[in-house]
Structures are given as C-alpha cells and as structure tokens.
Amino acid sequence: MGMKDPKPTFSYLVQELKKLKLGHMHIVVQQIAGGTGQESEGDDSIDFLLDTWDSQSPVLLAGGFTAESAKEVVEQYHDKDIIVVFGRYFISNPDLPFRIKEGIELTPYNRAKFYANKNPDGYISYEFSKQFLEADKSHGAIEN
C-alpha cells in the first residue's frame, strides 16, 4: 500500500466509509509495486480492510487476477461477501466469463495499445474463443 504501516490510515478510512452505507467497497489489490512492473513485496494483506468493513455490503476486489488466482481468493475469503472483478482481461477476452467457467486459457492483453487514440486495434480487436463460438452457435445466438 506504499507506506510502512497502512493499517491505521486505511482502517480509519473504511470506518468512515461504513457510515455512508455504501452499496459496495471496491479495493484494488496491489500486485505491482508503484508502476515499476515488479511484484510488490511485503505485507499487502487486505484482511484488516475486510474485517473493518465487516460484511456491510459486498467488497469488489480487483488487481490483475487470473482465473486461478480469482478462484483462490474466493476460496480464501469464503466467509466474506466478496466479488473478484476483472478489467484488463475483459479487453483481451470478450468471452471472459465463459473462459473462466470452462478453464480456457486467457488471451494476454497488450497494455501499450490500451489508450491509442481513435484506434480500435488492441481494444476491440480480440477474438472470442473457438469454444465460445461453437457453444454460441449450438444455441443459435450467432449467425454468419
């Protein structure tokens, strides 16, 4: 979280947010240290945040999850009301929920193309998986 002891600051923040009776709390789990491209080191546990929030409403967790790591987090926090959310992988996998459900490898995203001005390449140019297209055809949803 970028500080020696984030617990006092962020515990206070979460306690104050609870007073607002928000519909959810969204936490971005730090996977990369400060944009360096290196995995973060140290204790970046969010347990104290979840304990402070105390099931007030769902907690959305984001931050570079893969299908496998998302499943691990759901299992780890099975007693909490959490939802793992994906951002970047939705760009490169337009059929992301299907891929996760079916155990299909995710297509890597190209971060360099995320913010290209007026260029759909790398944003809406990724393909659906063959398995998804076949499943969709069998349900009559896709016509050529």
N, C-alpha and C. Protein backbone atom coordinates (compact mmCIF):
# COMPACT_ATOMS: atom_id res chain seq x y z
N MET A 1 0.82 -1.20 0.00
CA MET A 1 0.00 0.00 0.00
C MET A 1 0.86 1.26 0.00
N GLY A 2 2.16 1.07 -0.09
CA GLY A 2 3.03 2.21 -0.26
C GLY A 2 3.41 2.95 1.02
N MET A 3 3.13 2.40 2.17
CA MET A 3 3.52 3.03 3.43
C MET A 3 3.92 1.94 4.41
N LYS A 4 4.72 2.32 5.41
CA LYS A 4 5.22 1.33 6.37
C LYS A 4 4.09 0.61 7.08
N ASP A 5 3.14 1.36 7.60
CA ASP A 5 2.02 0.75 8.32
C ASP A 5 0.71 1.39 7.85
N PRO A 6 0.09 0.81 6.84
CA PRO A 6 -1.14 1.41 6.30
C PRO A 6 -2.38 1.16 7.15
N LYS A 7 -2.28 0.27 8.12
CA LYS A 7 -3.48 -0.13 8.86
C LYS A 7 -4.20 1.02 9.56
N PRO A 8 -3.51 1.89 10.30
CA PRO A 8 -4.26 2.97 10.97
C PRO A 8 -4.99 3.88 9.98
N THR A 9 -4.31 4.27 8.92
CA THR A 9 -4.91 5.19 7.95
C THR A 9 -6.09 4.55 7.24
N PHE A 10 -5.88 3.35 6.70
CA PHE A 10 -6.93 2.73 5.90
C PHE A 10 -8.04 2.14 6.76
N SER A 11 -7.75 1.73 7.98
CA SER A 11 -8.81 1.29 8.89
C SER A 11 -9.74 2.45 9.20
N TYR A 12 -9.15 3.62 9.45
CA TYR A 12 -9.96 4.81 9.71
C TYR A 12 -10.81 5.15 8.49
N LEU A 13 -10.20 5.11 7.32
CA LEU A 13 -10.94 5.40 6.08
C LEU A 13 -12.14 4.47 5.93
N VAL A 14 -11.93 3.19 6.12
CA VAL A 14 -13.01 2.21 5.96
C VAL A 14 -14.09 2.43 7.02
N GLN A 15 -13.69 2.74 8.25
CA GLN A 15 -14.68 3.02 9.30
C GLN A 15 -15.56 4.21 8.91
N GLU A 16 -14.95 5.23 8.34
CA GLU A 16 -15.71 6.41 7.92
C GLU A 16 -16.59 6.10 6.71
N LEU A 17 -16.09 5.29 5.79
CA LEU A 17 -16.89 4.90 4.62
C LEU A 17 -18.12 4.09 5.04
N LYS A 18 -17.96 3.26 6.06
CA LYS A 18 -19.10 2.46 6.54
C LYS A 18 -20.28 3.35 6.95
N LYS A 19 -19.97 4.50 7.49
CA LYS A 19 -21.03 5.42 7.94
C LYS A 19 -21.90 5.90 6.79
N LEU A 20 -21.36 5.85 5.57
CA LEU A 20 -22.10 6.30 4.40
C LEU A 20 -23.06 5.24 3.85
N LYS A 21 -22.98 4.03 4.40
CA LYS A 21 -23.84 2.92 3.98
C LYS A 21 -23.80 2.72 2.46
N LEU A 22 -22.59 2.63 1.95
CA LEU A 22 -22.37 2.46 0.51
C LEU A 22 -22.83 1.10 0.03
N GLY A 23 -23.16 1.02 -1.23
CA GLY A 23 -23.62 -0.24 -1.82
C GLY A 23 -22.52 -1.28 -1.95
N HIS A 24 -21.29 -0.84 -2.00
CA HIS A 24 -20.15 -1.75 -2.04
C HIS A 24 -18.86 -0.97 -1.77
N MET A 25 -17.81 -1.70 -1.46
CA MET A 25 -16.48 -1.11 -1.36
C MET A 25 -15.62 -1.80 -2.42
N HIS A 26 -14.85 -1.03 -3.16
CA HIS A 26 -14.02 -1.56 -4.24
C HIS A 26 -12.55 -1.39 -3.83
N ILE A 27 -11.84 -2.51 -3.75
CA ILE A 27 -10.42 -2.49 -3.38
C ILE A 27 -9.61 -2.99 -4.56
N VAL A 28 -8.58 -2.23 -4.92
CA VAL A 28 -7.64 -2.69 -5.93
C VAL A 28 -6.45 -3.28 -5.18
N VAL A 29 -6.28 -4.58 -5.31
CA VAL A 29 -5.22 -5.30 -4.61
C VAL A 29 -3.91 -5.03 -5.34
N GLN A 30 -2.91 -4.58 -4.60
CA GLN A 30 -1.63 -4.24 -5.22
C GLN A 30 -0.88 -5.49 -5.64
N GLN A 31 -0.71 -5.65 -6.93
CA GLN A 31 0.07 -6.76 -7.48
C GLN A 31 1.44 -6.28 -7.92
N ILE A 32 1.51 -5.03 -8.37
CA ILE A 32 2.72 -4.44 -8.92
C ILE A 32 3.09 -3.24 -8.06
N ALA A 33 4.37 -3.12 -7.73
CA ALA A 33 4.84 -2.05 -6.86
C ALA A 33 4.95 -0.74 -7.62
N GLY A 34 4.04 0.18 -7.34
CA GLY A 34 4.12 1.54 -7.85
C GLY A 34 4.39 1.71 -9.33
N GLY A 35 3.84 0.87 -10.16
CA GLY A 35 4.02 1.02 -11.59
C GLY A 35 5.39 0.62 -12.09
N THR A 36 6.17 -0.06 -11.26
CA THR A 36 7.52 -0.44 -11.66
C THR A 36 7.53 -1.69 -12.51
N GLY A 37 6.43 -2.40 -12.53
CA GLY A 37 6.40 -3.67 -13.26
C GLY A 37 6.90 -4.83 -12.42
N GLN A 38 7.38 -4.55 -11.22
CA GLN A 38 7.86 -5.58 -10.31
C GLN A 38 6.77 -5.93 -9.32
N GLU A 39 6.69 -7.22 -8.98
CA GLU A 39 5.69 -7.61 -7.99
C GLU A 39 5.99 -6.92 -6.67
N SER A 40 4.94 -6.53 -5.97
CA SER A 40 5.12 -5.84 -4.70
C SER A 40 5.66 -6.80 -3.66
N GLU A 41 6.38 -6.22 -2.71
CA GLU A 41 6.95 -7.01 -1.63
C GLU A 41 6.32 -6.57 -0.32
N GLY A 42 6.43 -7.40 0.69
CA GLY A 42 5.93 -7.03 1.99
C GLY A 42 4.51 -7.51 2.21
N ASP A 43 3.94 -7.05 3.32
CA ASP A 43 2.60 -7.46 3.71
C ASP A 43 1.57 -6.53 3.10
N ASP A 44 0.96 -6.97 2.02
CA ASP A 44 -0.09 -6.20 1.38
C ASP A 44 -1.45 -6.83 1.65
N SER A 45 -1.59 -7.48 2.78
CA SER A 45 -2.82 -8.17 3.13
C SER A 45 -3.97 -7.17 3.24
N ILE A 46 -5.11 -7.59 2.74
CA ILE A 46 -6.32 -6.77 2.85
C ILE A 46 -7.24 -7.28 3.95
N ASP A 47 -6.79 -8.26 4.70
CA ASP A 47 -7.62 -8.85 5.75
C ASP A 47 -8.17 -7.80 6.70
N PHE A 48 -7.32 -6.86 7.11
CA PHE A 48 -7.78 -5.84 8.07
C PHE A 48 -8.87 -4.95 7.46
N LEU A 49 -8.82 -4.74 6.14
CA LEU A 49 -9.87 -3.95 5.49
C LEU A 49 -11.19 -4.71 5.49
N LEU A 50 -11.11 -5.99 5.16
CA LEU A 50 -12.33 -6.81 5.13
C LEU A 50 -12.91 -6.95 6.53
N ASP A 51 -12.05 -7.10 7.53
CA ASP A 51 -12.53 -7.21 8.90
C ASP A 51 -13.18 -5.90 9.36
N THR A 52 -12.59 -4.79 8.98
CA THR A 52 -13.15 -3.49 9.36
C THR A 52 -14.49 -3.25 8.66
N TRP A 53 -14.58 -3.60 7.39
CA TRP A 53 -15.82 -3.44 6.62
C TRP A 53 -16.92 -4.33 7.17
N ASP A 54 -16.55 -5.55 7.58
CA ASP A 54 -17.44 -6.46 8.31
C ASP A 54 -18.75 -6.75 7.59
N SER A 55 -18.69 -7.11 6.33
CA SER A 55 -19.87 -7.51 5.56
C SER A 55 -20.96 -6.45 5.52
N GLN A 56 -20.57 -5.20 5.60
CA GLN A 56 -21.55 -4.10 5.48
C GLN A 56 -22.30 -4.22 4.17
N SER A 57 -21.57 -4.48 3.12
CA SER A 57 -22.10 -4.69 1.77
C SER A 57 -20.98 -5.40 1.00
N PRO A 58 -21.22 -5.83 -0.23
CA PRO A 58 -20.18 -6.57 -0.94
C PRO A 58 -18.88 -5.77 -1.11
N VAL A 59 -17.78 -6.51 -1.18
CA VAL A 59 -16.47 -5.92 -1.45
C VAL A 59 -16.02 -6.43 -2.81
N LEU A 60 -15.73 -5.49 -3.70
CA LEU A 60 -15.22 -5.84 -5.02
C LEU A 60 -13.70 -5.79 -4.97
N LEU A 61 -13.06 -6.87 -5.39
CA LEU A 61 -11.60 -6.94 -5.40
C LEU A 61 -11.12 -6.97 -6.84
N ALA A 62 -10.20 -6.09 -7.17
CA ALA A 62 -9.60 -6.05 -8.50
C ALA A 62 -8.09 -6.01 -8.33
N GLY A 63 -7.38 -6.24 -9.42
CA GLY A 63 -5.93 -6.08 -9.34
C GLY A 63 -5.14 -7.17 -10.01
N GLY A 64 -5.35 -7.41 -11.27
CA GLY A 64 -4.50 -8.34 -12.00
C GLY A 64 -4.77 -9.80 -11.73
N PHE A 65 -5.98 -10.13 -11.35
CA PHE A 65 -6.31 -11.52 -11.07
C PHE A 65 -6.35 -12.35 -12.35
N THR A 66 -5.90 -13.59 -12.23
CA THR A 66 -6.11 -14.59 -13.27
C THR A 66 -7.30 -15.43 -12.85
N ALA A 67 -7.74 -16.31 -13.72
CA ALA A 67 -8.84 -17.20 -13.35
C ALA A 67 -8.47 -17.99 -12.10
N GLU A 68 -7.24 -18.50 -12.06
CA GLU A 68 -6.80 -19.32 -10.94
C GLU A 68 -6.70 -18.50 -9.65
N SER A 69 -6.07 -17.32 -9.73
CA SER A 69 -5.92 -16.53 -8.51
C SER A 69 -7.27 -16.01 -8.02
N ALA A 70 -8.19 -15.75 -8.93
CA ALA A 70 -9.53 -15.32 -8.51
C ALA A 70 -10.23 -16.43 -7.73
N LYS A 71 -10.12 -17.66 -8.22
CA LYS A 71 -10.73 -18.79 -7.52
C LYS A 71 -10.10 -18.97 -6.14
N GLU A 72 -8.77 -18.79 -6.06
CA GLU A 72 -8.09 -18.91 -4.77
C GLU A 72 -8.59 -17.86 -3.78
N VAL A 73 -8.77 -16.63 -4.25
CA VAL A 73 -9.24 -15.56 -3.38
C VAL A 73 -10.66 -15.83 -2.91
N VAL A 74 -11.51 -16.30 -3.81
CA VAL A 74 -12.89 -16.64 -3.43
C VAL A 74 -12.88 -17.73 -2.36
N GLU A 75 -12.03 -18.73 -2.52
CA GLU A 75 -11.93 -19.79 -1.52
C GLU A 75 -11.35 -19.25 -0.21
N GLN A 76 -10.32 -18.41 -0.30
CA GLN A 76 -9.68 -17.86 0.89
C GLN A 76 -10.67 -17.04 1.72
N TYR A 77 -11.52 -16.27 1.06
CA TYR A 77 -12.46 -15.40 1.75
C TYR A 77 -13.89 -15.91 1.62
N HIS A 78 -14.06 -17.21 1.69
CA HIS A 78 -15.38 -17.82 1.51
C HIS A 78 -16.41 -17.31 2.52
N ASP A 79 -15.94 -16.81 3.66
CA ASP A 79 -16.85 -16.33 4.69
C ASP A 79 -17.15 -14.83 4.55
N LYS A 80 -16.60 -14.21 3.52
CA LYS A 80 -16.82 -12.77 3.28
C LYS A 80 -17.67 -12.60 2.03
N ASP A 81 -18.30 -11.45 1.93
CA ASP A 81 -19.13 -11.13 0.77
C ASP A 81 -18.26 -10.40 -0.25
N ILE A 82 -17.45 -11.18 -1.00
CA ILE A 82 -16.53 -10.57 -1.95
C ILE A 82 -16.89 -10.96 -3.38
N ILE A 83 -16.49 -10.10 -4.29
CA ILE A 83 -16.64 -10.33 -5.72
C ILE A 83 -15.30 -9.98 -6.35
N VAL A 84 -14.72 -10.90 -7.10
CA VAL A 84 -13.48 -10.61 -7.82
C VAL A 84 -13.87 -10.02 -9.17
N VAL A 85 -13.31 -8.87 -9.49
CA VAL A 85 -13.63 -8.20 -10.75
C VAL A 85 -12.41 -8.15 -11.65
N PHE A 86 -12.67 -8.13 -12.93
CA PHE A 86 -11.62 -8.10 -13.94
C PHE A 86 -11.78 -6.83 -14.77
N GLY A 87 -10.68 -6.24 -15.16
CA GLY A 87 -10.71 -5.08 -16.04
C GLY A 87 -9.97 -5.36 -17.33
N ARG A 88 -8.65 -5.37 -17.24
CA ARG A 88 -7.82 -5.52 -18.44
C ARG A 88 -8.10 -6.81 -19.19
N TYR A 89 -8.33 -7.90 -18.48
CA TYR A 89 -8.59 -9.17 -19.18
C TYR A 89 -9.93 -9.18 -19.91
N PHE A 90 -10.86 -8.29 -19.55
CA PHE A 90 -12.09 -8.20 -20.33
C PHE A 90 -11.82 -7.61 -21.71
N ILE A 91 -10.80 -6.77 -21.81
CA ILE A 91 -10.46 -6.19 -23.11
C ILE A 91 -9.98 -7.28 -24.06
N SER A 92 -9.08 -8.13 -23.58
CA SER A 92 -8.48 -9.14 -24.47
C SER A 92 -9.26 -10.45 -24.51
N ASN A 93 -10.31 -10.55 -23.73
CA ASN A 93 -11.13 -11.76 -23.69
C ASN A 93 -12.61 -11.36 -23.64
N PRO A 94 -13.20 -11.08 -24.80
CA PRO A 94 -14.60 -10.64 -24.79
C PRO A 94 -15.56 -11.70 -24.24
N ASP A 95 -15.08 -12.94 -24.14
CA ASP A 95 -15.87 -14.03 -23.58
C ASP A 95 -15.31 -14.47 -22.22
N LEU A 96 -14.81 -13.52 -21.46
CA LEU A 96 -14.10 -13.83 -20.21
C LEU A 96 -14.87 -14.74 -19.25
N PRO A 97 -16.13 -14.47 -18.93
CA PRO A 97 -16.83 -15.38 -18.00
C PRO A 97 -16.87 -16.82 -18.52
N PHE A 98 -17.09 -16.99 -19.80
CA PHE A 98 -17.11 -18.32 -20.40
C PHE A 98 -15.74 -18.99 -20.26
N ARG A 99 -14.68 -18.25 -20.54
CA ARG A 99 -13.32 -18.81 -20.44
C ARG A 99 -13.01 -19.26 -19.01
N ILE A 100 -13.38 -18.44 -18.06
CA ILE A 100 -13.12 -18.80 -16.66
C ILE A 100 -13.91 -20.05 -16.30
N LYS A 101 -15.18 -20.06 -16.64
CA LYS A 101 -16.03 -21.21 -16.32
C LYS A 101 -15.51 -22.49 -16.95
N GLU A 102 -15.07 -22.40 -18.20
CA GLU A 102 -14.64 -23.59 -18.94
C GLU A 102 -13.15 -23.90 -18.80
N GLY A 103 -12.41 -23.09 -18.07
CA GLY A 103 -10.98 -23.33 -17.88
C GLY A 103 -10.15 -23.09 -19.13
N ILE A 104 -10.59 -22.17 -19.97
CA ILE A 104 -9.89 -21.86 -21.21
C ILE A 104 -8.84 -20.77 -20.93
N GLU A 105 -7.66 -20.96 -21.47
CA GLU A 105 -6.57 -20.01 -21.26
C GLU A 105 -6.98 -18.60 -21.69
N LEU A 106 -6.56 -17.61 -20.90
CA LEU A 106 -6.89 -16.22 -21.22
C LEU A 106 -5.91 -15.67 -22.25
N THR A 107 -6.42 -14.86 -23.15
CA THR A 107 -5.58 -14.18 -24.13
C THR A 107 -4.89 -13.01 -23.42
N PRO A 108 -3.57 -12.90 -23.54
CA PRO A 108 -2.88 -11.77 -22.90
C PRO A 108 -3.33 -10.44 -23.51
N TYR A 109 -3.36 -9.41 -22.70
CA TYR A 109 -3.69 -8.08 -23.20
C TYR A 109 -2.40 -7.35 -23.57
N ASN A 110 -2.53 -6.33 -24.37
CA ASN A 110 -1.40 -5.52 -24.79
C ASN A 110 -1.59 -4.13 -24.19
N ARG A 111 -0.97 -3.88 -23.05
CA ARG A 111 -1.14 -2.62 -22.33
C ARG A 111 -0.76 -1.41 -23.19
N ALA A 112 0.22 -1.59 -24.07
CA ALA A 112 0.68 -0.48 -24.91
C ALA A 112 -0.42 0.04 -25.83
N LYS A 113 -1.43 -0.78 -26.10
CA LYS A 113 -2.50 -0.37 -27.01
C LYS A 113 -3.77 0.09 -26.29
N PHE A 114 -3.74 0.14 -24.97
CA PHE A 114 -4.95 0.49 -24.22
C PHE A 114 -5.49 1.88 -24.55
N TYR A 115 -4.61 2.83 -24.74
CA TYR A 115 -5.06 4.21 -24.83
C TYR A 115 -4.73 4.85 -26.18
N ALA A 116 -4.65 4.04 -27.22
CA ALA A 116 -4.39 4.57 -28.56
C ALA A 116 -5.60 5.37 -29.01
N ASN A 117 -5.37 6.59 -29.40
CA ASN A 117 -6.45 7.50 -29.78
C ASN A 117 -7.08 7.08 -31.11
N LYS A 118 -8.38 6.87 -31.09
CA LYS A 118 -9.17 6.54 -32.29
C LYS A 118 -8.65 5.32 -33.04
N ASN A 119 -8.15 4.35 -32.32
CA ASN A 119 -7.65 3.12 -32.94
C ASN A 119 -8.25 1.92 -32.22
N PRO A 120 -9.11 1.16 -32.87
CA PRO A 120 -9.74 0.02 -32.21
C PRO A 120 -8.80 -1.17 -31.99
N ASP A 121 -7.64 -1.18 -32.68
CA ASP A 121 -6.71 -2.30 -32.54
C ASP A 121 -6.22 -2.42 -31.10
N GLY A 122 -6.37 -3.59 -30.56
CA GLY A 122 -5.94 -3.83 -29.19
C GLY A 122 -6.99 -3.47 -28.15
N TYR A 123 -8.12 -2.95 -28.61
CA TYR A 123 -9.19 -2.63 -27.68
C TYR A 123 -10.43 -3.45 -27.99
N ILE A 124 -10.84 -3.46 -29.24
CA ILE A 124 -12.00 -4.27 -29.63
C ILE A 124 -11.63 -5.27 -30.72
N SER A 125 -10.36 -5.55 -30.85
CA SER A 125 -9.91 -6.43 -31.95
C SER A 125 -9.61 -7.86 -31.50
N TYR A 126 -9.83 -8.17 -30.24
CA TYR A 126 -9.54 -9.52 -29.75
C TYR A 126 -10.67 -10.47 -30.13
N GLU A 127 -10.31 -11.72 -30.36
CA GLU A 127 -11.25 -12.74 -30.81
C GLU A 127 -11.92 -13.46 -29.64
N PHE A 128 -13.12 -13.94 -29.88
CA PHE A 128 -13.78 -14.87 -28.97
C PHE A 128 -13.08 -16.22 -29.11
N SER A 129 -13.10 -17.02 -28.06
CA SER A 129 -12.51 -18.36 -28.15
C SER A 129 -13.33 -19.24 -29.09
N LYS A 130 -12.67 -20.20 -29.70
CA LYS A 130 -13.37 -21.14 -30.59
C LYS A 130 -14.47 -21.87 -29.84
N GLN A 131 -14.19 -22.23 -28.60
CA GLN A 131 -15.17 -22.96 -27.80
C GLN A 131 -16.42 -22.12 -27.55
N PHE A 132 -16.22 -20.84 -27.31
CA PHE A 132 -17.36 -19.95 -27.08
C PHE A 132 -18.21 -19.83 -28.35
N LEU A 133 -17.53 -19.66 -29.48
CA LEU A 133 -18.26 -19.53 -30.74
C LEU A 133 -19.04 -20.80 -31.06
N GLU A 134 -18.44 -21.96 -30.78
CA GLU A 134 -19.15 -23.22 -31.00
C GLU A 134 -20.35 -23.35 -30.07
N ALA A 135 -20.16 -23.01 -28.81
CA ALA A 135 -21.26 -23.09 -27.85
C ALA A 135 -22.37 -22.12 -28.22
N ASP A 136 -21.99 -20.95 -28.68
CA ASP A 136 -22.97 -19.95 -29.06
C ASP A 136 -23.75 -20.38 -30.30
N LYS A 137 -23.06 -20.98 -31.26
CA LYS A 137 -23.73 -21.48 -32.47
C LYS A 137 -24.74 -22.56 -32.12
N SER A 138 -24.37 -23.42 -31.19
CA SER A 138 -25.27 -24.51 -30.82
C SER A 138 -26.54 -24.00 -30.14
N HIS A 139 -26.48 -22.78 -29.62
CA HIS A 139 -27.66 -22.17 -29.01
C HIS A 139 -28.36 -21.20 -29.97
N GLY A 140 -27.84 -21.09 -31.20
CA GLY A 140 -28.48 -20.24 -32.21
C GLY A 140 -28.29 -18.76 -32.01
N ALA A 141 -27.33 -18.35 -31.18
CA ALA A 141 -27.17 -16.93 -30.89
C ALA A 141 -26.34 -16.19 -31.93
N ILE A 142 -25.44 -16.89 -32.62
CA ILE A 142 -24.58 -16.24 -33.60
C ILE A 142 -24.93 -16.74 -34.98
N GLU A 143 -25.14 -15.80 -35.87
CA GLU A 143 -25.40 -16.15 -37.27
C GLU A 143 -24.37 -15.46 -38.13
N ASN A 144 -23.86 -16.16 -39.13
CA ASN A 144 -22.87 -15.56 -40.04
C ASN A 144 -23.54 -15.01 -41.26
